[in-house]
Amino acid sequence: MQSAECGLEIMSTNNQPQREGRTVQPLSSFQALADSRCQFVLSYLSQRSNTVSVDELVERIPRPNEETPATIRLSLYHAQLPKLADAELIQYDAKQETVERTAMTGQVVAILDRARSIKP
């Protein structure tokens, strides 16, 4: 089934999204999207047409509470990037330390932007 508004595949016959023979758990996607750093990574990638290095992301990510680049790198490497890759929202090569958008990246960013624009 497709959402008319965003064109994302929502559910298969077992009520789970299917991607190339693998089931993507909605909870993992929502957990990734709830993280502000994950949201930043998706937004940044949606504006790029090529592969981005982890170093470039570290340089661009806002640093709240005087976080060091090393702390941000560790957080990206061990938490945010694997979480986004597991949800198939990015392609992440840990060995090459590169990140790339997927077909879903721009669609998800558009949904996040729309959600942010809704006033309570």
Protein backbone atom coordinates (compact mmCIF):
# COMPACT_ATOMS: atom_id res chain seq x y z
CA MET A 1 0.00 0.00 0.00
CA GLN A 2 1.25 3.48 -0.83
CA SER A 3 0.56 6.68 1.00
CA ALA A 4 -1.06 9.10 -1.44
CA GLU A 5 0.62 12.06 0.21
CA CYS A 6 4.25 10.97 0.26
CA GLY A 7 4.51 7.85 -1.91
CA LEU A 8 6.20 5.75 0.78
CA GLU A 9 5.45 2.05 0.96
CA ILE A 10 3.66 1.69 4.26
CA MET A 11 2.71 -1.96 4.80
CA SER A 12 2.90 -5.35 3.21
CA THR A 13 0.43 -8.17 3.73
CA ASN A 14 1.82 -8.83 7.22
CA ASN A 15 1.50 -5.14 8.14
CA GLN A 16 5.26 -4.60 7.98
CA PRO A 17 7.11 -2.54 5.34
CA GLN A 18 9.11 -4.71 2.97
CA ARG A 19 12.45 -3.72 1.49
CA GLU A 20 14.28 -6.17 -0.75
CA GLY A 21 13.20 -9.30 1.10
CA ARG A 22 13.77 -7.78 4.52
CA THR A 23 11.24 -6.46 6.99
CA VAL A 24 11.83 -2.93 8.25
CA GLN A 25 10.42 -2.47 11.73
CA PRO A 26 8.42 0.77 12.02
CA LEU A 27 9.58 1.20 15.62
CA SER A 28 13.23 1.40 14.54
CA SER A 29 12.34 4.07 11.98
CA PHE A 30 10.40 6.12 14.52
CA GLN A 31 13.19 5.79 17.10
CA ALA A 32 15.69 7.06 14.56
CA LEU A 33 13.45 9.96 13.57
CA ALA A 34 12.91 10.96 17.20
CA ASP A 35 16.64 11.72 17.56
CA SER A 36 17.47 15.34 16.66
CA ARG A 37 20.95 14.38 15.45
CA CYS A 38 19.44 11.75 13.15
CA GLN A 39 17.06 14.42 11.83
CA PHE A 40 20.02 16.71 11.14
CA VAL A 41 21.89 13.95 9.27
CA LEU A 42 18.84 13.24 7.09
CA SER A 43 18.30 16.93 6.38
CA TYR A 44 21.98 17.45 5.52
CA LEU A 45 22.05 14.41 3.21
CA SER A 46 18.85 15.48 1.48
CA GLN A 47 20.70 18.60 0.30
CA ARG A 48 23.63 16.60 -1.10
CA SER A 49 23.71 14.51 -4.26
CA ASN A 50 26.86 12.60 -3.42
CA THR A 51 28.46 10.59 -0.64
CA VAL A 52 29.36 12.47 2.54
CA SER A 53 32.19 11.57 4.90
CA VAL A 54 31.58 11.10 8.61
CA ASP A 55 34.17 13.87 9.15
CA GLU A 56 32.02 16.27 7.12
CA LEU A 57 28.97 15.42 9.24
CA VAL A 58 30.99 15.93 12.43
CA GLU A 59 32.01 19.40 11.20
CA ARG A 60 28.44 20.39 10.30
CA ILE A 61 26.50 19.05 13.30
CA PRO A 62 25.59 21.73 15.86
CA ARG A 63 27.51 21.30 19.13
CA PRO A 64 25.23 21.75 22.12
CA ASN A 65 26.75 21.85 25.59
CA GLU A 66 30.29 22.26 24.28
CA GLU A 67 30.44 18.73 22.85
CA THR A 68 33.76 17.91 21.24
CA PRO A 69 34.10 16.65 17.67
CA ALA A 70 35.40 13.35 19.09
CA THR A 71 32.23 12.91 21.17
CA ILE A 72 30.02 13.69 18.18
CA ARG A 73 31.97 11.24 16.00
CA LEU A 74 31.57 8.49 18.58
CA SER A 75 27.86 9.17 18.88
CA LEU A 76 27.41 9.11 15.10
CA TYR A 77 29.51 5.98 14.66
CA HIS A 78 27.91 3.93 17.42
CA ALA A 79 24.36 5.30 17.62
CA GLN A 80 22.84 7.57 14.99
CA LEU A 81 24.34 6.26 11.74
CA PRO A 82 23.70 2.55 12.47
CA LYS A 83 20.16 3.43 13.62
CA LEU A 84 19.44 5.30 10.39
CA ALA A 85 21.02 2.55 8.29
CA ASP A 86 18.98 -0.16 10.07
CA ALA A 87 15.83 1.82 9.26
CA GLU A 88 17.11 2.04 5.64
CA LEU A 89 16.97 5.82 5.71
CA ILE A 90 20.67 6.10 4.74
CA GLN A 91 23.45 3.96 3.33
CA TYR A 92 26.30 3.84 5.82
CA ASP A 93 29.71 2.30 5.17
CA ALA A 94 31.44 2.10 8.55
CA LYS A 95 34.73 0.88 7.04
CA GLN A 96 34.95 3.72 4.51
CA GLU A 97 33.32 6.15 6.99
CA THR A 98 30.89 7.40 4.36
CA VAL A 99 27.18 8.12 4.38
CA GLU A 100 24.82 8.41 1.44
CA ARG A 101 21.17 9.26 1.05
CA THR A 102 18.65 6.69 -0.12
CA ALA A 103 15.47 7.12 -2.14
CA MET A 104 13.65 7.48 1.19
CA THR A 105 15.83 10.28 2.60
CA GLY A 106 14.19 13.20 0.82
CA GLN A 107 10.70 11.83 1.40
CA VAL A 108 11.29 11.44 5.12
CA VAL A 109 12.78 14.93 5.42
CA ALA A 110 9.71 16.35 3.66
CA ILE A 111 7.47 14.58 6.19
CA LEU A 112 9.57 15.87 9.11
CA ASP A 113 9.45 19.42 7.73
CA ARG A 114 5.70 19.22 7.36
CA ALA A 115 5.30 17.86 10.90
CA ARG A 116 7.41 20.75 12.26
CA SER A 117 5.20 23.27 10.47
CA ILE A 118 2.02 22.06 12.18
CA LYS A 119 1.11 24.36 15.02
CA PRO A 120 -0.29 22.79 18.20
